[in-house]
Amino acid sequence: MVFSAYVEEQRDLRWVTVTLTSIATILLCCRLITTWRNRGWLGMEDAFVVSANIFLVAFTAMVYMSTTYGFGTHAVDIKKSGGNISKAMQFFWLTQVFYTLCNGLNKMSFLALYYRVFAIKPFRRACMTMMAICISWTVSYVFVAIFQCTPIHRTWDRTVPGHCINFFWHRWSNAISNLVTDLIIFFMPMPVIMRLKMSVGNKIGLIVLFSMGFFICLITMLRMATLPLTLKTKEPTWESAPTNLWSFIEAAVGVICSCLISLRKSISSLWPARWRSTKGSSYGQYGQYGQPGSGKAISGLGRSGQHGTAGMYPLESLESVKNKMPGKTIS
């Protein structure tokens, strides 16, 4: 893994961002087409991931523009090549804003999906609480990223008189709070899934599917390994490049994982046939969820014995969840 500055990091900043953005955009289109065909309408979770992808594209553009002015190389090489350090740092500053926006919307897309799928009142209240926390996190850190220096243009030109915030506390508080919220979002559905009465294959499939969020947590932790270098840097165009690269990978993986979860039916076709059996589960009761024109979330029982073919989430009936969670109110 690359956690320090290295030769050719400018090249990697370009091809990695363009490649991952292309993959994320293709998967997003697949997600929207599949959801529309199966369900007949798009939900808030789709709106959030579309917005996240838009900011991911903007993130890519800012990274690419920063490299054209010399970001990812030594300051002395920028001057020799006719680049512009101030311009490079200005676009680097903008990447911080789009990174935060993309991450915040990725979190919201997962939470909105949980809210729609699991129609259990206590769980939905937890989702709403986390949504409020994530919105506050996004707004506050976008504000700090924009106004980290006074005046603002001191951010990319330190010869301008003024002052800046304590970058040590800003970077680490952002990284730690980002990781904590990701971990909470990742673990939230696991207790509910473990209570489902379904075949072992379906349960494993669901756990694996929702465990995709773990990759976001992993990338977040890998990104944190680059922070010490960028915090003590005296040459940000060179030593801040690894952090910028991992920041982008984290944002892109968030969009990709969010899309893969909604492509469950296509992914499940890769599982062994015996694992895809719905025998012993109530998959059929939820087959109606996601069918064209259904217009409903999972909030009650389907008709016994009815097996849908376009269901997106093989979840059991809430009656069985209710039986295993005494005292809980099911909407």
C-alpha atoms as a PDB file:
ATOM      1  CA  MET A   1       0.000   0.000   0.000  1.00  0.00           C
ATOM      2  CA  VAL A   2       1.153   3.544  -0.720  1.00  0.00           C
ATOM      3  CA  PHE A   3       1.089   5.770   2.356  1.00  0.00           C
ATOM      4  CA  SER A   4       3.907   8.164   1.487  1.00  0.00           C
ATOM      5  CA  ALA A   5       4.821  10.351  -1.463  1.00  0.00           C
ATOM      6  CA  TYR A   6       6.366   8.548  -4.405  1.00  0.00           C
ATOM      7  CA  VAL A   7       7.431   9.087  -7.998  1.00  0.00           C
ATOM      8  CA  GLU A   8       4.583   8.928 -10.538  1.00  0.00           C
ATOM      9  CA  GLU A   9       1.902   9.705  -7.944  1.00  0.00           C
ATOM     10  CA  GLN A  10       0.664  12.454 -10.257  1.00  0.00           C
ATOM     11  CA  ARG A  11       0.053   9.842 -12.955  1.00  0.00           C
ATOM     12  CA  ASP A  12      -1.792   7.628 -10.480  1.00  0.00           C
ATOM     13  CA  LEU A  13      -3.980  10.508  -9.331  1.00  0.00           C
ATOM     14  CA  ARG A  14      -5.183  10.856 -12.905  1.00  0.00           C
ATOM     15  CA  TRP A  15      -5.823   7.271 -13.969  1.00  0.00           C
ATOM     16  CA  VAL A  16      -7.216   6.050 -10.637  1.00  0.00           C
ATOM     17  CA  THR A  17      -9.752   8.873 -10.395  1.00  0.00           C
ATOM     18  CA  VAL A  18     -10.934   8.559 -13.984  1.00  0.00           C
ATOM     19  CA  THR A  19     -11.131   4.749 -13.804  1.00  0.00           C
ATOM     20  CA  LEU A  20     -13.041   4.557 -10.519  1.00  0.00           C
ATOM     21  CA  THR A  21     -15.414   7.335 -11.540  1.00  0.00           C
ATOM     22  CA  SER A  22     -16.181   5.520 -14.785  1.00  0.00           C
ATOM     23  CA  ILE A  23     -16.870   2.272 -12.895  1.00  0.00           C
ATOM     24  CA  ALA A  24     -19.047   4.062 -10.344  1.00  0.00           C
ATOM     25  CA  THR A  25     -21.036   5.856 -13.054  1.00  0.00           C
ATOM     26  CA  ILE A  26     -21.619   2.643 -15.030  1.00  0.00           C
ATOM     27  CA  LEU A  27     -22.798   0.818 -11.899  1.00  0.00           C
ATOM     28  CA  LEU A  28     -25.035   3.752 -11.009  1.00  0.00           C
ATOM     29  CA  CYS A  29     -26.708   3.570 -14.423  1.00  0.00           C
ATOM     30  CA  CYS A  30     -27.171  -0.195 -13.954  1.00  0.00           C
ATOM     31  CA  ARG A  31     -28.649   0.426 -10.509  1.00  0.00           C
ATOM     32  CA  LEU A  32     -31.140   3.017 -11.758  1.00  0.00           C
ATOM     33  CA  ILE A  33     -32.208   0.929 -14.757  1.00  0.00           C
ATOM     34  CA  THR A  34     -32.596  -2.222 -12.650  1.00  0.00           C
ATOM     35  CA  THR A  35     -34.511  -0.424  -9.914  1.00  0.00           C
ATOM     36  CA  TRP A  36     -36.853   1.226 -12.399  1.00  0.00           C
ATOM     37  CA  ARG A  37     -37.559  -2.035 -14.198  1.00  0.00           C
ATOM     38  CA  ASN A  38     -38.110  -3.993 -10.996  1.00  0.00           C
ATOM     39  CA  ARG A  39     -39.882  -1.443  -8.900  1.00  0.00           C
ATOM     40  CA  GLY A  40     -41.258   1.170 -11.286  1.00  0.00           C
ATOM     41  CA  TRP A  41     -40.011   4.112  -9.208  1.00  0.00           C
ATOM     42  CA  LEU A  42     -36.870   5.523  -7.617  1.00  0.00           C
ATOM     43  CA  GLY A  43     -36.476   6.252  -3.918  1.00  0.00           C
ATOM     44  CA  MET A  44     -34.568   8.707  -1.757  1.00  0.00           C
ATOM     45  CA  GLU A  45     -31.650   6.291  -1.528  1.00  0.00           C
ATOM     46  CA  ASP A  46     -31.323   6.541  -5.315  1.00  0.00           C
ATOM     47  CA  ALA A  47     -31.418  10.346  -5.180  1.00  0.00           C
ATOM     48  CA  PHE A  48     -28.652  10.372  -2.579  1.00  0.00           C
ATOM     49  CA  VAL A  49     -26.346   8.085  -4.554  1.00  0.00           C
ATOM     50  CA  VAL A  50     -26.978  10.051  -7.777  1.00  0.00           C
ATOM     51  CA  SER A  51     -25.987  13.229  -5.923  1.00  0.00           C
ATOM     52  CA  ALA A  52     -22.922  11.475  -4.499  1.00  0.00           C
ATOM     53  CA  ASN A  53     -21.874  10.423  -8.000  1.00  0.00           C
ATOM     54  CA  ILE A  54     -22.272  13.986  -9.282  1.00  0.00           C
ATOM     55  CA  PHE A  55     -19.917  15.230  -6.577  1.00  0.00           C
ATOM     56  CA  LEU A  56     -17.582  12.309  -7.337  1.00  0.00           C
ATOM     57  CA  VAL A  57     -17.344  13.499 -10.944  1.00  0.00           C
ATOM     58  CA  ALA A  58     -16.635  17.026  -9.673  1.00  0.00           C
ATOM     59  CA  PHE A  59     -14.019  15.544  -7.313  1.00  0.00           C
ATOM     60  CA  THR A  60     -12.367  13.836 -10.291  1.00  0.00           C
ATOM     61  CA  ALA A  61     -12.323  17.064 -12.277  1.00  0.00           C
ATOM     62  CA  MET A  62     -10.707  18.980  -9.402  1.00  0.00           C
ATOM     63  CA  VAL A  63      -8.043  16.289  -8.886  1.00  0.00           C
ATOM     64  CA  TYR A  64      -7.250  16.250 -12.588  1.00  0.00           C
ATOM     65  CA  MET A  65      -7.047  20.056 -12.764  1.00  0.00           C
ATOM     66  CA  SER A  66      -4.765  20.162  -9.734  1.00  0.00           C
ATOM     67  CA  THR A  67      -2.351  17.749 -11.440  1.00  0.00           C
ATOM     68  CA  THR A  68      -2.263  19.871 -14.592  1.00  0.00           C
ATOM     69  CA  TYR A  69      -0.845  22.691 -12.469  1.00  0.00           C
ATOM     70  CA  GLY A  70       1.695  20.412 -10.801  1.00  0.00           C
ATOM     71  CA  PHE A  71       0.006  18.762  -7.823  1.00  0.00           C
ATOM     72  CA  GLY A  72       1.680  15.429  -7.120  1.00  0.00           C
ATOM     73  CA  THR A  73       5.192  16.725  -7.849  1.00  0.00           C
ATOM     74  CA  HIS A  74       7.893  18.648  -5.979  1.00  0.00           C
ATOM     75  CA  ALA A  75       7.572  22.434  -5.830  1.00  0.00           C
ATOM     76  CA  VAL A  76      10.884  22.842  -7.606  1.00  0.00           C
ATOM     77  CA  ASP A  77       9.679  20.640 -10.467  1.00  0.00           C
ATOM     78  CA  ILE A  78       6.448  22.639 -10.731  1.00  0.00           C
ATOM     79  CA  LYS A  79       8.443  25.830 -11.235  1.00  0.00           C
ATOM     80  CA  LYS A  80      10.687  24.174 -13.808  1.00  0.00           C
ATOM     81  CA  SER A  81       7.742  22.805 -15.788  1.00  0.00           C
ATOM     82  CA  GLY A  82       5.893  26.127 -15.810  1.00  0.00           C
ATOM     83  CA  GLY A  83       3.158  24.973 -13.419  1.00  0.00           C
ATOM     84  CA  ASN A  84       1.439  27.061 -10.783  1.00  0.00           C
ATOM     85  CA  ILE A  85       1.655  26.076  -7.121  1.00  0.00           C
ATOM     86  CA  SER A  86      -1.147  28.410  -6.022  1.00  0.00           C
ATOM     87  CA  LYS A  87      -3.505  27.067  -8.683  1.00  0.00           C
ATOM     88  CA  ALA A  88      -2.611  23.483  -7.818  1.00  0.00           C
ATOM     89  CA  MET A  89      -3.354  24.128  -4.132  1.00  0.00           C
ATOM     90  CA  GLN A  90      -6.598  25.929  -4.983  1.00  0.00           C
ATOM     91  CA  PHE A  91      -7.936  22.866  -6.795  1.00  0.00           C
ATOM     92  CA  PHE A  92      -6.627  20.671  -3.976  1.00  0.00           C
ATOM     93  CA  TRP A  93      -8.695  22.791  -1.563  1.00  0.00           C
ATOM     94  CA  LEU A  94     -11.793  22.193  -3.701  1.00  0.00           C
ATOM     95  CA  THR A  95     -11.202  18.426  -3.615  1.00  0.00           C
ATOM     96  CA  GLN A  96     -11.590  18.564   0.178  1.00  0.00           C
ATOM     97  CA  VAL A  97     -15.053  20.087  -0.197  1.00  0.00           C
ATOM     98  CA  PHE A  98     -16.237  17.513  -2.752  1.00  0.00           C
ATOM     99  CA  TYR A  99     -14.725  14.672  -0.715  1.00  0.00           C
ATOM    100  CA  THR A 100     -16.832  15.636   2.298  1.00  0.00           C
ATOM    101  CA  LEU A 101     -20.000  16.100   0.256  1.00  0.00           C
ATOM    102  CA  CYS A 102     -19.594  12.771  -1.525  1.00  0.00           C
ATOM    103  CA  ASN A 103     -18.924  10.916   1.730  1.00  0.00           C
ATOM    104  CA  GLY A 104     -21.903  12.479   3.471  1.00  0.00           C
ATOM    105  CA  LEU A 105     -24.258  11.555   0.639  1.00  0.00           C
ATOM    106  CA  ASN A 106     -22.893   7.994   0.542  1.00  0.00           C
ATOM    107  CA  LYS A 107     -23.784   7.615   4.218  1.00  0.00           C
ATOM    108  CA  MET A 108     -27.268   8.994   3.566  1.00  0.00           C
ATOM    109  CA  SER A 109     -27.843   6.580   0.677  1.00  0.00           C
ATOM    110  CA  PHE A 110     -27.132   3.579   2.920  1.00  0.00           C
ATOM    111  CA  LEU A 111     -29.334   4.907   5.722  1.00  0.00           C
ATOM    112  CA  ALA A 112     -32.204   5.698   3.340  1.00  0.00           C
ATOM    113  CA  LEU A 113     -31.971   2.150   1.972  1.00  0.00           C
ATOM    114  CA  TYR A 114     -32.066   0.691   5.496  1.00  0.00           C
ATOM    115  CA  TYR A 115     -35.065   2.866   6.332  1.00  0.00           C
ATOM    116  CA  ARG A 116     -36.985   1.613   3.306  1.00  0.00           C
ATOM    117  CA  VAL A 117     -36.110  -2.065   3.679  1.00  0.00           C
ATOM    118  CA  PHE A 118     -36.454  -2.584   7.422  1.00  0.00           C
ATOM    119  CA  ALA A 119     -39.874  -1.280   8.455  1.00  0.00           C
ATOM    120  CA  ILE A 120     -39.283  -1.744  12.184  1.00  0.00           C
ATOM    121  CA  LYS A 121     -40.044   1.389  14.183  1.00  0.00           C
ATOM    122  CA  PRO A 122     -37.070   1.277  16.609  1.00  0.00           C
ATOM    123  CA  PHE A 123     -34.711   0.575  13.725  1.00  0.00           C
ATOM    124  CA  ARG A 124     -36.210   3.375  11.641  1.00  0.00           C
ATOM    125  CA  ARG A 125     -35.811   5.779  14.555  1.00  0.00           C
ATOM    126  CA  ALA A 126     -32.150   4.759  14.710  1.00  0.00           C
ATOM    127  CA  CYS A 127     -31.867   5.453  10.969  1.00  0.00           C
ATOM    128  CA  MET A 128     -33.409   8.900  11.376  1.00  0.00           C
ATOM    129  CA  THR A 129     -31.034   9.674  14.248  1.00  0.00           C
ATOM    130  CA  MET A 130     -28.035   8.639  12.168  1.00  0.00           C
ATOM    131  CA  MET A 131     -29.316  10.677   9.221  1.00  0.00           C
ATOM    132  CA  ALA A 132     -29.442  13.775  11.433  1.00  0.00           C
ATOM    133  CA  ILE A 133     -25.900  13.060  12.662  1.00  0.00           C
ATOM    134  CA  CYS A 134     -24.602  12.536   9.111  1.00  0.00           C
ATOM    135  CA  ILE A 135     -26.242  15.719   7.836  1.00  0.00           C
ATOM    136  CA  SER A 136     -24.700  17.674  10.716  1.00  0.00           C
ATOM    137  CA  TRP A 137     -21.321  16.029  10.068  1.00  0.00           C
ATOM    138  CA  THR A 138     -21.416  16.885   6.357  1.00  0.00           C
ATOM    139  CA  VAL A 139     -22.555  20.488   6.763  1.00  0.00           C
ATOM    140  CA  SER A 140     -20.092  21.251   9.563  1.00  0.00           C
ATOM    141  CA  TYR A 141     -17.045  19.783   7.826  1.00  0.00           C
ATOM    142  CA  VAL A 142     -17.914  21.340   4.461  1.00  0.00           C
ATOM    143  CA  PHE A 143     -18.112  24.697   6.254  1.00  0.00           C
ATOM    144  CA  VAL A 144     -14.746  24.085   7.948  1.00  0.00           C
ATOM    145  CA  ALA A 145     -13.161  22.930   4.668  1.00  0.00           C
ATOM    146  CA  ILE A 146     -14.272  26.093   2.900  1.00  0.00           C
ATOM    147  CA  PHE A 147     -13.352  28.516   5.676  1.00  0.00           C
ATOM    148  CA  GLN A 148     -10.257  26.759   7.038  1.00  0.00           C
ATOM    149  CA  CYS A 149      -8.270  29.930   6.474  1.00  0.00           C
ATOM    150  CA  THR A 150      -9.166  33.609   6.806  1.00  0.00           C
ATOM    151  CA  PRO A 151      -9.163  35.106   4.244  1.00  0.00           C
ATOM    152  CA  ILE A 152     -10.166  32.076   2.187  1.00  0.00           C
ATOM    153  CA  HIS A 153      -7.465  32.502  -0.454  1.00  0.00           C
ATOM    154  CA  ARG A 154      -4.805  32.103   2.231  1.00  0.00           C
ATOM    155  CA  THR A 155      -5.699  28.379   1.989  1.00  0.00           C
ATOM    156  CA  TRP A 156      -3.805  28.081  -1.281  1.00  0.00           C
ATOM    157  CA  ASP A 157      -1.462  31.063  -0.913  1.00  0.00           C
ATOM    158  CA  ARG A 158       0.237  31.241   2.490  1.00  0.00           C
ATOM    159  CA  THR A 159       1.950  34.515   1.603  1.00  0.00           C
ATOM    160  CA  VAL A 160      -1.411  36.217   2.161  1.00  0.00           C
ATOM    161  CA  PRO A 161      -1.658  37.681   5.709  1.00  0.00           C
ATOM    162  CA  GLY A 162      -4.217  35.972   7.931  1.00  0.00           C
ATOM    163  CA  HIS A 163      -4.675  32.840   9.989  1.00  0.00           C
ATOM    164  CA  CYS A 164      -5.820  29.218   9.608  1.00  0.00           C
ATOM    165  CA  ILE A 165      -7.425  26.618  11.850  1.00  0.00           C
ATOM    166  CA  ASN A 166      -5.506  23.906  13.673  1.00  0.00           C
ATOM    167  CA  PHE A 167      -5.130  21.381  10.880  1.00  0.00           C
ATOM    168  CA  PHE A 168      -4.119  18.579  13.248  1.00  0.00           C
ATOM    169  CA  TRP A 169      -7.441  18.664  15.097  1.00  0.00           C
ATOM    170  CA  HIS A 170      -9.433  19.238  11.931  1.00  0.00           C
ATOM    171  CA  ARG A 171      -7.948  16.350   9.953  1.00  0.00           C
ATOM    172  CA  TRP A 172      -8.041  13.829  12.794  1.00  0.00           C
ATOM    173  CA  SER A 173     -11.497  14.772  14.075  1.00  0.00           C
ATOM    174  CA  ASN A 174     -12.804  14.486  10.523  1.00  0.00           C
ATOM    175  CA  ALA A 175     -11.151  11.096   9.954  1.00  0.00           C
ATOM    176  CA  ILE A 176     -12.173   9.589  13.295  1.00  0.00           C
ATOM    177  CA  SER A 177     -15.784  10.808  13.179  1.00  0.00           C
ATOM    178  CA  ASN A 178     -16.000   9.644   9.564  1.00  0.00           C
ATOM    179  CA  LEU A 179     -14.793   6.162  10.530  1.00  0.00           C
ATOM    180  CA  VAL A 180     -17.083   5.948  13.568  1.00  0.00           C
ATOM    181  CA  THR A 181     -20.196   6.840  11.561  1.00  0.00           C
ATOM    182  CA  ASP A 182     -19.196   4.368   8.829  1.00  0.00           C
ATOM    183  CA  LEU A 183     -18.782   1.582  11.373  1.00  0.00           C
ATOM    184  CA  ILE A 184     -22.146   2.345  12.974  1.00  0.00           C
ATOM    185  CA  ILE A 185     -23.866   2.342   9.568  1.00  0.00           C
ATOM    186  CA  PHE A 186     -22.110  -0.917   8.650  1.00  0.00           C
ATOM    187  CA  PHE A 187     -23.161  -2.744  11.837  1.00  0.00           C
ATOM    188  CA  MET A 188     -26.703  -1.321  12.073  1.00  0.00           C
ATOM    189  CA  PRO A 189     -28.557  -3.954   9.979  1.00  0.00           C
ATOM    190  CA  MET A 190     -26.570  -6.959  11.232  1.00  0.00           C
ATOM    191  CA  PRO A 191     -28.662  -7.697  14.372  1.00  0.00           C
ATOM    192  CA  VAL A 192     -31.866  -7.552  12.298  1.00  0.00           C
ATOM    193  CA  ILE A 193     -30.432  -9.833   9.604  1.00  0.00           C
ATOM    194  CA  MET A 194     -29.254 -12.362  12.179  1.00  0.00           C
ATOM    195  CA  ARG A 195     -32.846 -12.669  13.488  1.00  0.00           C
ATOM    196  CA  LEU A 196     -34.296 -13.469  10.076  1.00  0.00           C
ATOM    197  CA  LYS A 197     -35.756 -16.947   9.548  1.00  0.00           C
ATOM    198  CA  MET A 198     -34.438 -17.899   6.142  1.00  0.00           C
ATOM    199  CA  SER A 199     -32.165 -20.435   4.498  1.00  0.00           C
ATOM    200  CA  VAL A 200     -28.497 -20.320   5.426  1.00  0.00           C
ATOM    201  CA  GLY A 201     -27.592 -19.351   1.863  1.00  0.00           C
ATOM    202  CA  ASN A 202     -29.957 -16.386   1.804  1.00  0.00           C
ATOM    203  CA  LYS A 203     -28.777 -15.216   5.225  1.00  0.00           C
ATOM    204  CA  ILE A 204     -25.122 -15.493   4.191  1.00  0.00           C
ATOM    205  CA  GLY A 205     -25.946 -13.667   0.968  1.00  0.00           C
ATOM    206  CA  LEU A 206     -27.572 -10.813   2.874  1.00  0.00           C
ATOM    207  CA  ILE A 207     -24.688 -10.553   5.329  1.00  0.00           C
ATOM    208  CA  VAL A 208     -22.154 -10.500   2.489  1.00  0.00           C
ATOM    209  CA  LEU A 209     -24.253  -7.962   0.611  1.00  0.00           C
ATOM    210  CA  PHE A 210     -24.551  -5.523   3.494  1.00  0.00           C
ATOM    211  CA  SER A 211     -20.936  -6.201   4.471  1.00  0.00           C
ATOM    212  CA  MET A 212     -19.845  -4.297   1.390  1.00  0.00           C
ATOM    213  CA  GLY A 213     -19.951  -1.274   3.648  1.00  0.00           C
ATOM    214  CA  PHE A 214     -16.941  -2.754   5.444  1.00  0.00           C
ATOM    215  CA  PHE A 215     -14.784  -1.947   2.415  1.00  0.00           C
ATOM    216  CA  ILE A 216     -15.565   1.739   2.958  1.00  0.00           C
ATOM    217  CA  CYS A 217     -14.455   1.408   6.592  1.00  0.00           C
ATOM    218  CA  LEU A 218     -11.283  -0.344   5.452  1.00  0.00           C
ATOM    219  CA  ILE A 219     -10.404   2.381   2.944  1.00  0.00           C
ATOM    220  CA  THR A 220     -11.112   5.018   5.604  1.00  0.00           C
ATOM    221  CA  MET A 221      -8.606   3.342   7.922  1.00  0.00           C
ATOM    222  CA  LEU A 222      -6.030   3.093   5.135  1.00  0.00           C
ATOM    223  CA  ARG A 223      -6.515   6.789   4.389  1.00  0.00           C
ATOM    224  CA  MET A 224      -5.864   7.619   8.050  1.00  0.00           C
ATOM    225  CA  ALA A 225      -2.414   6.065   7.680  1.00  0.00           C
ATOM    226  CA  THR A 226      -1.469   8.898   5.295  1.00  0.00           C
ATOM    227  CA  LEU A 227      -2.504  11.727   7.648  1.00  0.00           C
ATOM    228  CA  PRO A 228       0.749  11.999   9.654  1.00  0.00           C
ATOM    229  CA  LEU A 229       2.683  12.778   6.463  1.00  0.00           C
ATOM    230  CA  THR A 230       0.263  15.427   5.211  1.00  0.00           C
ATOM    231  CA  LEU A 231       0.039  17.111   8.632  1.00  0.00           C
ATOM    232  CA  LYS A 232       3.788  17.657   8.945  1.00  0.00           C
ATOM    233  CA  THR A 233       4.343  18.496   5.309  1.00  0.00           C
ATOM    234  CA  LYS A 234       6.339  21.472   4.179  1.00  0.00           C
ATOM    235  CA  GLU A 235       5.705  20.619   0.533  1.00  0.00           C
ATOM    236  CA  PRO A 236       1.941  19.972   0.213  1.00  0.00           C
ATOM    237  CA  THR A 237       1.931  19.564  -3.564  1.00  0.00           C
ATOM    238  CA  TRP A 238       4.118  16.488  -3.065  1.00  0.00           C
ATOM    239  CA  GLU A 239       3.376  15.052   0.376  1.00  0.00           C
ATOM    240  CA  SER A 240      -0.399  15.624   0.427  1.00  0.00           C
ATOM    241  CA  ALA A 241      -0.941  13.667  -2.791  1.00  0.00           C
ATOM    242  CA  PRO A 242      -1.238  10.195  -1.127  1.00  0.00           C
ATOM    243  CA  THR A 243      -3.955  11.461   1.236  1.00  0.00           C
ATOM    244  CA  ASN A 244      -5.786  12.995  -1.698  1.00  0.00           C
ATOM    245  CA  LEU A 245      -5.579   9.727  -3.623  1.00  0.00           C
ATOM    246  CA  TRP A 246      -6.934   7.648  -0.712  1.00  0.00           C
ATOM    247  CA  SER A 247      -9.639  10.253  -0.088  1.00  0.00           C
ATOM    248  CA  PHE A 248     -10.832   9.789  -3.630  1.00  0.00           C
ATOM    249  CA  ILE A 249     -10.694   5.997  -3.427  1.00  0.00           C
ATOM    250  CA  GLU A 250     -12.805   6.137  -0.257  1.00  0.00           C
ATOM    251  CA  ALA A 251     -15.459   8.341  -1.883  1.00  0.00           C
ATOM    252  CA  ALA A 252     -15.555   6.231  -5.065  1.00  0.00           C
ATOM    253  CA  VAL A 253     -15.776   2.916  -3.186  1.00  0.00           C
ATOM    254  CA  GLY A 254     -18.730   4.356  -1.254  1.00  0.00           C
ATOM    255  CA  VAL A 255     -20.656   5.004  -4.474  1.00  0.00           C
ATOM    256  CA  ILE A 256     -19.668   1.619  -5.938  1.00  0.00           C
ATOM    257  CA  CYS A 257     -20.727  -0.350  -2.837  1.00  0.00           C
ATOM    258  CA  SER A 258     -24.013   1.531  -2.615  1.00  0.00           C
ATOM    259  CA  CYS A 259     -24.781   0.562  -6.215  1.00  0.00           C
ATOM    260  CA  LEU A 260     -23.737  -3.075  -5.782  1.00  0.00           C
ATOM    261  CA  ILE A 261     -26.153  -3.534  -2.872  1.00  0.00           C
ATOM    262  CA  SER A 262     -29.049  -2.478  -5.077  1.00  0.00           C
ATOM    263  CA  LEU A 263     -27.916  -4.907  -7.778  1.00  0.00           C
ATOM    264  CA  ARG A 264     -28.558  -7.838  -5.432  1.00  0.00           C
ATOM    265  CA  LYS A 265     -30.544  -9.870  -7.937  1.00  0.00           C
ATOM    266  CA  SER A 266     -27.784  -9.752 -10.541  1.00  0.00           C
ATOM    267  CA  ILE A 267     -25.083 -10.509  -7.979  1.00  0.00           C
ATOM    268  CA  SER A 268     -27.064 -13.362  -6.407  1.00  0.00           C
ATOM    269  CA  SER A 269     -27.027 -15.189  -9.741  1.00  0.00           C
ATOM    270  CA  LEU A 270     -23.334 -15.821  -9.077  1.00  0.00           C
ATOM    271  CA  TRP A 271     -24.120 -17.836  -5.932  1.00  0.00           C
ATOM    272  CA  PRO A 272     -24.333 -21.652  -6.069  1.00  0.00           C
ATOM    273  CA  ALA A 273     -27.855 -22.821  -6.991  1.00  0.00           C
ATOM    274  CA  ARG A 274     -28.430 -24.591  -3.673  1.00  0.00           C
ATOM    275  CA  TRP A 275     -27.639 -21.357  -1.807  1.00  0.00           C
ATOM    276  CA  ARG A 276     -30.208 -19.457  -3.820  1.00  0.00           C
ATOM    277  CA  SER A 277     -33.015 -21.734  -2.712  1.00  0.00           C
ATOM    278  CA  THR A 278     -35.878 -19.943  -0.995  1.00  0.00           C
ATOM    279  CA  LYS A 279     -37.015 -23.085   0.780  1.00  0.00           C
ATOM    280  CA  GLY A 280     -37.352 -22.543   4.504  1.00  0.00           C
ATOM    281  CA  SER A 281     -37.397 -18.785   4.149  1.00  0.00           C
ATOM    282  CA  SER A 282     -40.023 -16.184   3.598  1.00  0.00           C
ATOM    283  CA  TYR A 283     -38.299 -14.755   0.542  1.00  0.00           C
ATOM    284  CA  GLY A 284     -41.491 -15.196  -1.445  1.00  0.00           C
ATOM    285  CA  GLN A 285     -43.433 -13.047   0.977  1.00  0.00           C
ATOM    286  CA  TYR A 286     -41.176 -10.186   0.053  1.00  0.00           C
ATOM    287  CA  GLY A 287     -41.094 -10.953  -3.633  1.00  0.00           C
ATOM    288  CA  GLN A 288     -43.693  -8.257  -4.142  1.00  0.00           C
ATOM    289  CA  TYR A 289     -41.285  -5.630  -2.824  1.00  0.00           C
ATOM    290  CA  GLY A 290     -39.576  -4.115  -5.807  1.00  0.00           C
ATOM    291  CA  GLN A 291     -42.087  -5.258  -8.396  1.00  0.00           C
ATOM    292  CA  PRO A 292     -43.222  -2.658 -10.892  1.00  0.00           C
ATOM    293  CA  GLY A 293     -45.967  -0.511  -9.485  1.00  0.00           C
ATOM    294  CA  SER A 294     -45.784  -1.974  -5.987  1.00  0.00           C
ATOM    295  CA  GLY A 295     -45.039   1.413  -4.478  1.00  0.00           C
ATOM    296  CA  LYS A 296     -44.535  -0.025  -1.007  1.00  0.00           C
ATOM    297  CA  ALA A 297     -41.803  -0.558   1.506  1.00  0.00           C
ATOM    298  CA  ILE A 298     -41.523  -3.663   3.630  1.00  0.00           C
ATOM    299  CA  SER A 299     -44.041  -2.791   6.301  1.00  0.00           C
ATOM    300  CA  GLY A 300     -46.262  -5.849   6.538  1.00  0.00           C
ATOM    301  CA  LEU A 301     -46.915  -9.385   5.439  1.00  0.00           C
ATOM    302  CA  GLY A 302     -47.213 -10.548   1.874  1.00  0.00           C
ATOM    303  CA  ARG A 303     -49.732 -13.149   0.834  1.00  0.00           C
ATOM    304  CA  SER A 304     -48.739 -16.595   1.997  1.00  0.00           C
ATOM    305  CA  GLY A 305     -47.066 -18.700  -0.622  1.00  0.00           C
ATOM    306  CA  GLN A 306     -46.739 -15.892  -3.150  1.00  0.00           C
ATOM    307  CA  HIS A 307     -43.313 -15.959  -4.782  1.00  0.00           C
ATOM    308  CA  GLY A 308     -42.221 -12.894  -6.715  1.00  0.00           C
ATOM    309  CA  THR A 309     -39.520 -13.031  -9.316  1.00  0.00           C
ATOM    310  CA  ALA A 310     -38.376  -9.419  -9.212  1.00  0.00           C
ATOM    311  CA  GLY A 311     -37.855  -8.962  -5.470  1.00  0.00           C
ATOM    312  CA  MET A 312     -34.789  -6.960  -4.599  1.00  0.00           C
ATOM    313  CA  TYR A 313     -34.342  -7.827  -0.935  1.00  0.00           C
ATOM    314  CA  PRO A 314     -34.884 -11.432   0.259  1.00  0.00           C
ATOM    315  CA  LEU A 315     -36.075 -10.476   3.723  1.00  0.00           C
ATOM    316  CA  GLU A 316     -38.414 -12.435   5.918  1.00  0.00           C
ATOM    317  CA  SER A 317     -41.850 -11.407   7.077  1.00  0.00           C
ATOM    318  CA  LEU A 318     -41.926  -8.932   9.912  1.00  0.00           C
ATOM    319  CA  GLU A 319     -44.182 -11.261  11.870  1.00  0.00           C
ATOM    320  CA  SER A 320     -41.243 -13.595  12.446  1.00  0.00           C
ATOM    321  CA  VAL A 321     -39.079 -10.636  13.402  1.00  0.00           C
ATOM    322  CA  LYS A 322     -41.793  -9.525  15.799  1.00  0.00           C
ATOM    323  CA  ASN A 323     -41.911 -12.972  17.381  1.00  0.00           C
ATOM    324  CA  LYS A 324     -38.186 -12.785  18.010  1.00  0.00           C
ATOM    325  CA  MET A 325     -38.270  -9.207  19.256  1.00  0.00           C
ATOM    326  CA  PRO A 326     -40.956  -9.075  21.965  1.00  0.00           C
ATOM    327  CA  GLY A 327     -42.160  -5.663  22.917  1.00  0.00           C
ATOM    328  CA  LYS A 328     -41.104  -4.122  19.593  1.00  0.00           C
ATOM    329  CA  THR A 329     -43.631  -2.249  17.541  1.00  0.00           C
ATOM    330  CA  ILE A 330     -43.801  -3.109  13.899  1.00  0.00           C
ATOM    331  CA  SER A 331     -45.241  -0.599  11.482  1.00  0.00           C
END
